[in-house]
Protein backbone atom coordinates (compact mmCIF):
# COMPACT_ATOMS: atom_id res chain seq x y z
CA MET A 1 34.20 -2.71 12.07
CA SER A 2 32.31 -5.48 10.35
CA VAL A 3 28.60 -6.04 10.84
CA LEU A 4 27.98 -9.34 12.60
CA ILE A 5 24.58 -11.03 12.50
CA GLU A 6 23.98 -12.97 15.70
CA LEU A 7 22.64 -16.45 15.01
CA LYS A 8 21.05 -19.16 17.14
CA ASP A 9 22.10 -22.82 16.97
CA ASP A 10 19.49 -23.57 14.30
CA ARG A 11 20.89 -20.79 12.06
CA SER A 12 17.97 -18.47 12.76
CA GLU A 13 18.84 -14.83 13.38
CA LYS A 14 18.49 -13.20 16.78
CA VAL A 15 16.69 -10.18 15.38
CA GLN A 16 17.39 -6.96 17.26
CA TYR A 17 14.07 -5.15 16.78
CA ASP A 18 14.07 -1.35 16.91
CA ASN A 19 11.63 -1.44 19.84
CA ILE A 20 11.04 -4.52 22.01
CA SER A 21 7.30 -3.78 21.95
CA TYR A 22 7.05 -4.02 18.15
CA PRO A 23 8.53 -6.77 15.90
CA ILE A 24 9.92 -4.27 13.38
CA TYR A 25 13.50 -3.89 12.16
CA ILE A 26 14.42 -1.05 9.77
CA ARG A 27 18.03 -0.40 8.71
CA ARG A 28 20.10 1.08 5.90
CA GLY A 29 23.05 -1.17 5.13
CA ILE A 30 26.33 -1.21 3.23
CA LEU A 31 27.50 -4.53 1.83
CA SER A 32 31.18 -3.77 2.49
CA SER A 33 30.45 -3.68 6.22
CA TYR A 34 30.07 -7.48 6.14
CA PRO A 35 33.14 -9.77 6.11
CA ASN A 36 34.16 -10.42 2.49
CA TYR A 37 31.09 -8.52 1.27
CA ALA A 38 28.78 -11.34 2.35
CA ALA A 39 26.22 -11.65 5.13
CA PRO A 40 26.00 -15.11 6.74
CA SER A 41 23.28 -17.41 5.46
CA HIS A 42 20.40 -17.36 7.94
CA TRP A 43 16.63 -17.51 8.34
CA HIS A 44 13.93 -16.06 10.59
CA ASP A 45 10.17 -16.11 11.02
CA ASP A 46 10.01 -12.49 9.89
CA ILE A 47 9.40 -11.35 6.34
CA GLU A 48 12.48 -9.67 4.86
CA LEU A 49 12.24 -6.76 2.44
CA ILE A 50 15.29 -5.43 0.58
CA ALA A 51 15.45 -2.37 -1.68
CA VAL A 52 18.72 -1.42 -3.39
CA LEU A 53 19.47 2.31 -3.16
CA ASP A 54 22.71 2.23 -5.12
CA GLY A 55 25.15 -0.33 -6.48
CA GLN A 56 24.36 -4.03 -6.80
CA MET A 57 24.56 -7.37 -5.04
CA ASP A 58 23.54 -10.98 -5.47
CA TYR A 59 20.96 -12.49 -3.16
CA ASN A 60 20.90 -16.20 -2.32
CA VAL A 61 17.50 -17.63 -1.33
CA ASN A 62 17.53 -21.39 -0.71
CA GLY A 63 20.45 -21.75 -3.09
CA GLU A 64 18.96 -19.71 -5.94
CA ILE A 65 20.91 -16.57 -6.86
CA ILE A 66 19.01 -13.37 -7.70
CA ALA A 67 20.89 -10.32 -9.01
CA LEU A 68 19.70 -7.05 -7.47
CA HIS A 69 20.52 -3.64 -8.96
CA LYS A 70 19.70 -0.05 -8.08
CA GLY A 71 15.94 0.47 -7.83
CA GLU A 72 15.20 -3.26 -7.50
CA GLY A 73 14.43 -5.31 -4.43
CA ILE A 74 13.30 -8.62 -3.04
CA PHE A 75 10.63 -10.01 -0.72
CA VAL A 76 11.90 -13.04 1.23
CA ASN A 77 9.20 -15.20 2.74
CA SER A 78 9.21 -16.49 6.30
CA ARG A 79 11.73 -19.21 7.32
CA GLN A 80 13.76 -19.19 4.09
CA MET A 81 17.57 -19.52 4.08
CA HIS A 82 18.99 -16.34 2.57
CA PHE A 83 21.88 -13.88 2.43
CA GLY A 84 23.22 -11.04 0.30
CA PHE A 85 26.76 -11.07 -1.10
CA SER A 86 29.10 -9.93 -3.85
CA ASP A 87 31.87 -12.24 -5.05
CA SER A 88 33.36 -9.34 -7.00
CA LYS A 89 33.22 -7.12 -3.87
CA ALA A 90 30.97 -4.60 -5.60
CA GLU A 91 29.52 -2.04 -3.20
CA CYS A 92 25.80 -1.93 -2.46
CA PHE A 93 23.72 0.48 -0.39
CA PHE A 94 20.34 -0.91 0.58
CA ILE A 95 17.31 -0.78 2.85
CA CYS A 96 16.61 -3.89 4.94
CA ILE A 97 13.28 -4.31 6.74
CA LEU A 98 12.11 -7.25 8.86
CA LEU A 99 8.45 -7.55 9.83
CA ASP A 100 6.72 -10.30 11.77
CA PRO A 101 3.63 -11.69 9.92
CA ALA A 102 1.95 -11.97 13.33
CA MET A 103 1.42 -8.20 13.09
CA LEU A 104 -1.23 -8.93 10.47
CA CYS A 105 -3.15 -11.40 12.65
CA PRO A 106 -5.62 -9.47 14.84
CA SER A 107 -7.83 -12.57 14.79
CA LEU A 108 -7.58 -16.25 13.89
CA ALA A 109 -9.57 -15.65 10.71
CA TYR A 110 -6.99 -13.16 9.37
CA GLU A 111 -4.20 -15.62 10.11
CA GLN A 112 -5.92 -18.61 8.47
CA ASP A 113 -7.39 -16.82 5.45
CA PHE A 114 -4.68 -14.34 4.52
CA VAL A 115 -1.38 -14.87 6.36
CA LEU A 116 -0.79 -18.63 6.41
CA PRO A 117 -1.61 -19.09 2.68
CA VAL A 118 1.37 -16.85 1.90
CA VAL A 119 3.76 -18.01 4.62
CA ARG A 120 3.17 -21.69 3.80
CA ASN A 121 3.25 -21.27 0.03
CA HIS A 122 6.31 -23.29 -1.01
CA ASN A 123 6.06 -21.83 -4.51
CA ALA A 124 6.87 -18.36 -3.16
CA PRO A 125 10.10 -18.51 -1.11
CA TYR A 126 10.87 -15.07 -2.52
CA ILE A 127 9.58 -12.47 -4.98
CA PHE A 128 11.95 -10.37 -7.06
CA LEU A 129 10.71 -6.77 -6.97
CA ASP A 130 10.94 -5.24 -10.44
CA PRO A 131 10.17 -1.48 -10.66
CA ASN A 132 8.81 -2.10 -14.18
CA SER A 133 5.97 -4.21 -12.74
CA ASP A 134 3.06 -2.13 -11.43
CA TRP A 135 2.29 -4.18 -8.33
CA GLN A 136 5.94 -4.84 -7.49
CA ARG A 137 6.70 -1.14 -7.87
CA GLU A 138 3.97 -0.46 -5.32
CA ILE A 139 5.75 -2.77 -2.87
CA LEU A 140 9.03 -0.93 -3.44
CA THR A 141 7.24 2.36 -2.81
CA GLU A 142 5.94 1.06 0.53
CA ILE A 143 9.45 -0.07 1.49
CA PHE A 144 10.69 3.46 0.90
CA GLU A 145 7.77 4.82 2.94
CA ILE A 146 8.65 2.59 5.89
CA ASP A 147 12.27 3.68 5.66
CA LYS A 148 11.27 7.35 5.44
CA CYS A 149 9.28 7.24 8.68
CA ASN A 150 11.95 5.31 10.61
CA GLY A 151 12.77 6.75 14.02
CA GLN A 152 9.47 8.58 14.49
CA LYS A 153 7.00 7.93 17.29
CA ILE A 154 4.39 6.97 14.68
CA THR A 155 6.73 4.49 12.92
CA PRO A 156 5.03 1.29 14.18
CA LEU A 157 1.63 2.44 12.87
CA ARG A 158 2.96 3.56 9.50
CA ALA A 159 5.01 0.39 9.13
CA LEU A 160 1.95 -1.70 9.93
CA SER A 161 -0.11 0.18 7.34
CA SER A 162 2.53 -0.29 4.64
CA PHE A 163 3.01 -3.94 5.64
CA ALA A 164 -0.73 -4.61 5.21
CA LYS A 165 -0.65 -3.07 1.74
CA ILE A 166 2.45 -5.05 0.78
CA TRP A 167 0.84 -8.25 2.03
CA SER A 168 -2.36 -7.68 0.09
CA LEU A 169 -0.35 -7.17 -3.12
CA ILE A 170 1.60 -10.37 -2.53
CA TYR A 171 -1.51 -12.34 -1.58
CA GLU A 172 -3.22 -11.31 -4.82
CA ASN A 173 -0.26 -12.00 -7.12
CA ILE A 174 1.73 -15.02 -5.93
CA PRO A 175 1.27 -18.43 -7.61
CA SER A 176 -1.09 -20.86 -5.92
CA GLU A 177 0.32 -23.57 -3.69
CA ASP A 178 0.90 -27.09 -5.05
CA SER A 179 3.09 -30.08 -4.24
CA ALA A 180 5.85 -29.24 -6.71
CA ALA A 181 8.05 -27.72 -4.06
CA SER A 182 7.85 -30.59 -1.54
CA SER A 183 11.31 -31.91 -2.42
CA GLU A 184 12.81 -28.43 -2.12
CA ASN A 185 11.19 -28.03 1.28
CA GLY A 186 12.72 -31.32 2.40
CA ASP A 187 16.17 -30.10 1.37
CA LEU A 188 15.65 -26.91 3.37
CA ALA A 189 14.76 -28.94 6.48
CA ALA A 190 17.88 -31.09 6.02
CA VAL A 191 20.07 -27.99 5.71
CA ARG A 192 18.62 -26.46 8.86
CA ASN A 193 19.30 -29.68 10.79
CA MET A 194 22.88 -29.87 9.53
CA VAL A 195 23.77 -26.26 10.32
CA GLY A 196 22.11 -26.66 13.71
CA PHE A 197 24.33 -29.68 14.36
CA ILE A 198 27.43 -27.72 13.36
CA GLN A 199 26.57 -24.81 15.62
CA LYS A 200 26.02 -27.10 18.59
CA ASN A 201 29.21 -29.10 18.05
CA TYR A 202 31.66 -26.69 16.39
CA ALA A 203 34.05 -26.72 19.37
CA ARG A 204 35.02 -30.35 18.77
CA LYS A 205 36.25 -32.29 15.77
CA ILE A 206 33.35 -32.96 13.39
CA SER A 207 33.37 -35.32 10.42
CA LEU A 208 31.49 -34.97 7.14
CA ARG A 209 29.70 -38.21 7.98
CA GLU A 210 28.35 -36.74 11.24
CA ILE A 211 27.13 -33.61 9.48
CA ALA A 212 25.36 -35.67 6.80
CA LEU A 213 23.75 -37.97 9.38
CA SER A 214 22.33 -34.98 11.26
CA GLY A 215 20.44 -34.06 8.09
CA ALA A 216 19.46 -37.67 7.30
CA VAL A 217 21.23 -37.47 3.92
CA GLY A 218 24.28 -39.11 2.35
CA GLN A 219 27.67 -37.40 2.30
CA SER A 220 27.42 -36.63 -1.40
CA LYS A 221 23.97 -35.05 -0.96
CA CYS A 222 25.28 -33.15 2.05
CA CYS A 223 28.03 -31.55 -0.05
CA LYS A 224 25.58 -30.73 -2.85
CA LEU A 225 23.19 -29.03 -0.41
CA PHE A 226 25.93 -26.92 1.14
CA ALA A 227 27.12 -25.91 -2.33
CA LYS A 228 23.57 -24.98 -3.30
CA PHE A 229 22.49 -23.13 -0.15
CA PHE A 230 25.80 -21.59 0.92
CA GLY A 231 28.10 -21.77 -2.10
CA GLN A 232 30.74 -23.59 -0.04
CA THR A 233 31.71 -27.00 1.28
CA PRO A 234 30.54 -28.25 4.71
CA ASN A 235 34.12 -27.91 6.00
CA THR A 236 34.40 -24.31 4.78
CA TYR A 237 31.07 -23.51 6.39
CA LEU A 238 32.28 -25.09 9.66
CA ASN A 239 35.53 -23.11 9.66
CA ARG A 240 33.76 -19.84 8.91
CA TYR A 241 31.32 -20.45 11.73
CA ARG A 242 34.25 -21.12 14.06
CA LEU A 243 35.84 -17.86 12.93
CA GLY A 244 32.64 -15.98 13.73
CA ARG A 245 32.59 -17.46 17.23
CA SER A 246 36.23 -16.45 17.73
CA LEU A 247 35.53 -12.75 17.16
CA ASP A 248 33.68 -12.24 20.45
CA LEU A 249 36.49 -14.01 22.31
CA LEU A 250 39.14 -11.86 20.65
CA ARG A 251 37.24 -8.68 21.52
CA ALA A 252 36.85 -9.81 25.13
CA GLY A 253 40.63 -10.10 25.45
CA ASP A 254 40.65 -12.60 28.33
CA LYS A 255 42.16 -15.58 26.49
CA SER A 256 45.29 -16.01 24.41
CA VAL A 257 44.99 -16.57 20.65
CA THR A 258 46.02 -20.20 21.15
CA GLU A 259 43.33 -20.73 23.80
CA ILE A 260 40.71 -19.15 21.55
CA ALA A 261 41.76 -21.26 18.56
CA LEU A 262 41.37 -24.49 20.52
CA SER A 263 38.13 -23.43 22.21
CA VAL A 264 36.35 -22.84 18.88
CA GLY A 265 37.49 -26.13 17.36
CA PHE A 266 40.71 -25.40 15.44
CA GLU A 267 43.50 -27.93 15.94
CA SER A 268 46.25 -25.31 16.24
CA ALA A 269 46.80 -21.57 16.60
CA SER A 270 48.79 -21.45 13.36
CA TYR A 271 45.95 -22.97 11.31
CA PHE A 272 43.47 -20.66 13.02
CA ALA A 273 45.62 -17.62 12.15
CA GLU A 274 45.98 -18.80 8.54
CA ILE A 275 42.21 -19.24 8.03
CA PHE A 276 41.45 -16.02 9.92
CA HIS A 277 43.79 -13.96 7.73
CA LYS A 278 42.45 -15.56 4.56
CA HIS A 279 38.86 -14.70 5.55
CA PHE A 280 39.23 -11.26 7.20
CA GLY A 281 42.46 -9.98 5.66
CA ILE A 282 44.16 -9.43 9.05
CA THR A 283 45.59 -11.67 11.76
CA PRO A 284 43.70 -12.48 14.99
CA ARG A 285 46.14 -10.28 16.96
CA GLU A 286 45.63 -7.37 14.56
CA TYR A 287 41.86 -7.78 14.90
CA ARG A 288 42.16 -7.71 18.69
CA LYS A 289 44.33 -4.60 18.56
CA ARG A 290 41.90 -2.77 16.24
CA SER A 291 38.94 -3.75 18.40
CA ARG A 292 40.64 -2.34 21.47
CA GLU A 293 41.47 0.89 19.65
CA VAL A 294 37.85 1.27 18.55
CA ASN A 295 36.64 0.63 22.12
CA GLU A 296 39.11 3.15 23.51
CA LYS A 297 37.92 5.81 21.04
CA ARG A 298 34.30 5.09 21.99
CA GLU A 299 35.11 5.41 25.69
CA THR A 300 36.98 8.66 25.07
CA ALA A 301 34.03 10.05 23.11
CA ARG A 302 31.63 9.06 25.89
CA SER A 303 33.82 10.68 28.53
CA MET A 304 34.05 13.89 26.53
CA ALA A 305 30.29 13.93 26.07
CA LYS A 306 29.75 13.50 29.81
CA GLU A 307 32.20 16.32 30.59
CA LYS A 308 30.35 18.66 28.22
CA LEU A 309 27.09 17.89 30.00
CA HIS A 310 28.60 18.99 33.31
CA LEU A 311 30.07 22.23 31.95
């Protein structure tokens, strides 16, 4: 089954932390587990750290594409639009870590002097991590250390220690803040407003004019921003979001395909099926059937496990 990132209406991710008491997320991922080898574009307050274990992928941060290969990685700053993908469907195995900068703020002084200068630095939306650079290689090493300790009782402490070291390296090496990125920051705000509008109104018919107005930009600028940040048109983005919303309904199995198509904003079941097949490679009915089969296998495995416990 595909990996699905759950998003809020403003396109921020609902991060499923490993432990509700600690804002830490540590996973090993496979790019092919995402629909069409592409994660959805999203943002979050957390810092994102990626290290490629094998293969390659492209990484889009605010519309800029960064190629990542084995041994390389990327630091994505807080609240940046980003996603990994491969147009050529090349496989990639990687480590993904999310850490809340608030972990580094035991007092107001730490936050003001060391955390906010990095988080608010518009000249550092991301940092490409090159193993040939001494300080960037140190960051990659700490990413591997966090991954290595994952699942242990001491993980939160070790992750915090590595995070502090990573942060100090970034703080010492990123370019100083200036006003050069103010226009770029304005574009990012417009994009967030537009995707938020789409996610709140996807179930009804939406025009390009409405989308552009929600971001306080013209229709031409709207199309350019979607091409830059998402590599697609506003209409394609809207349809793909509708498809994502349809998956939960298909898995639930309570509504017909026609009812689902209309409830997520498609004008007909036939058009919904056409777009669904083009995006996922199977029909909505086939997806529902496979989902049920997977659920049945899971239930069977659980039942067998329970029986063994009672033997």
